[in-house]
Protein backbone atom coordinates (compact mmCIF):
# COMPACT_ATOMS: atom_id res chain seq x y z
CA MET A 1 -4.61 -11.36 5.92
CA ARG A 2 -6.99 -11.03 8.77
CA ARG A 3 -10.61 -11.12 8.78
CA GLY A 4 -12.52 -8.71 11.07
CA GLY A 5 -16.38 -8.24 11.44
CA ASN A 6 -16.84 -6.50 8.45
CA HIS A 7 -13.73 -6.17 6.63
CA VAL A 8 -10.58 -8.21 5.60
CA GLU A 9 -7.37 -6.77 6.12
CA ILE A 10 -4.09 -7.60 3.90
CA GLU A 11 -0.79 -6.53 4.80
CA VAL A 12 2.35 -6.68 3.12
CA ALA A 13 5.71 -5.89 4.68
CA ASP A 14 8.85 -5.63 2.63
CA ASP A 15 12.49 -5.01 4.03
CA GLY A 16 13.57 -2.47 0.86
CA PRO A 17 14.58 1.19 1.72
CA GLY A 18 11.08 2.12 2.82
CA ILE A 19 9.31 5.63 1.62
CA PRO A 20 9.81 8.51 3.52
CA GLU A 21 6.89 9.91 5.48
CA ASP A 22 6.45 12.94 3.43
CA GLU A 23 6.03 11.16 0.35
CA ARG A 24 3.90 8.35 1.14
CA THR A 25 0.80 9.92 -0.55
CA ARG A 26 2.54 11.07 -3.73
CA VAL A 27 3.60 7.52 -4.42
CA PHE A 28 0.02 6.63 -5.36
CA ASP A 29 -0.09 9.61 -8.26
CA ARG A 30 0.73 7.64 -11.60
CA PHE A 31 4.42 7.87 -12.78
CA TYR A 32 5.82 9.70 -9.47
CA ARG A 33 9.07 7.93 -8.70
CA GLY A 34 10.46 9.36 -5.42
CA ALA A 35 13.57 11.54 -5.59
CA ALA A 36 15.60 9.18 -3.73
CA THR A 37 14.95 6.18 -6.09
CA ASP A 38 17.13 4.72 -8.65
CA GLU A 39 15.20 1.71 -9.22
CA GLU A 40 14.01 0.89 -12.60
CA GLY A 41 9.91 1.00 -13.02
CA SER A 42 7.27 3.16 -14.39
CA GLY A 43 5.73 4.60 -11.40
CA LEU A 44 2.54 3.11 -11.92
CA GLY A 45 2.27 -0.04 -9.50
CA LEU A 46 0.79 1.89 -6.29
CA ALA A 47 -1.48 3.56 -8.43
CA ILE A 48 -2.87 0.56 -9.81
CA VAL A 49 -3.37 -1.13 -6.28
CA GLN A 50 -4.95 2.15 -5.02
CA THR A 51 -7.58 1.96 -7.94
CA VAL A 52 -8.30 -1.72 -7.60
CA VAL A 53 -8.73 -1.02 -3.90
CA GLN A 54 -11.05 1.83 -4.30
CA ASN A 55 -13.20 0.16 -6.91
CA LEU A 56 -13.64 -2.73 -4.34
CA GLY A 57 -14.60 -0.02 -1.82
CA GLY A 58 -11.52 -0.17 0.29
CA GLU A 59 -8.57 1.81 1.15
CA ILE A 60 -4.83 1.38 1.30
CA ARG A 61 -2.36 2.80 3.93
CA LEU A 62 1.14 2.88 3.87
CA ALA A 63 3.71 2.96 6.99
CA GLY A 64 7.06 2.72 8.20
CA ARG A 65 7.85 -1.01 9.73
CA ASP A 66 7.36 -1.00 13.69
CA ASP A 67 9.47 -4.00 14.08
CA GLY A 68 13.02 -2.38 13.85
CA HIS A 69 13.76 -3.69 10.27
CA SER A 70 13.85 -1.29 7.58
CA GLY A 71 11.30 -1.24 5.05
CA LEU A 72 7.32 -0.16 4.39
CA VAL A 73 4.32 -2.30 5.36
CA ALA A 74 1.06 -1.80 2.89
CA ARG A 75 -2.19 -2.31 4.40
CA ILE A 76 -5.36 -2.92 2.27
CA HIS A 77 -8.79 -2.99 4.19
CA LEU A 78 -11.50 -4.31 1.82
CA PRO A 79 -15.26 -4.52 2.89
CA ARG A 80 -16.36 -8.29 3.19
CA ARG A 81 -18.64 -9.48 0.64
CA ARG A 82 -21.50 -11.45 1.87
CA GLN A 83 -22.09 -14.83 0.08
CA PRO A 84 -25.35 -15.05 -1.80
């Protein structure tokens, strides 16, 4: 987690098989399951995360890892809330 001037960034990286670049926008669709997956699940996780992030005025982006490992990086950018 990092704080910027007017935003907060949360970054989560895993070491799973990753998501092909051409599927990274589709995984936010409810019930979408990648063609190459044999994992259990309903295909709702990232759709729920995206809805929550958007309701908070933020955005989420997915990318491959750039440290030589397999996996995926999810970066969530949220606006900072001012204290009353």
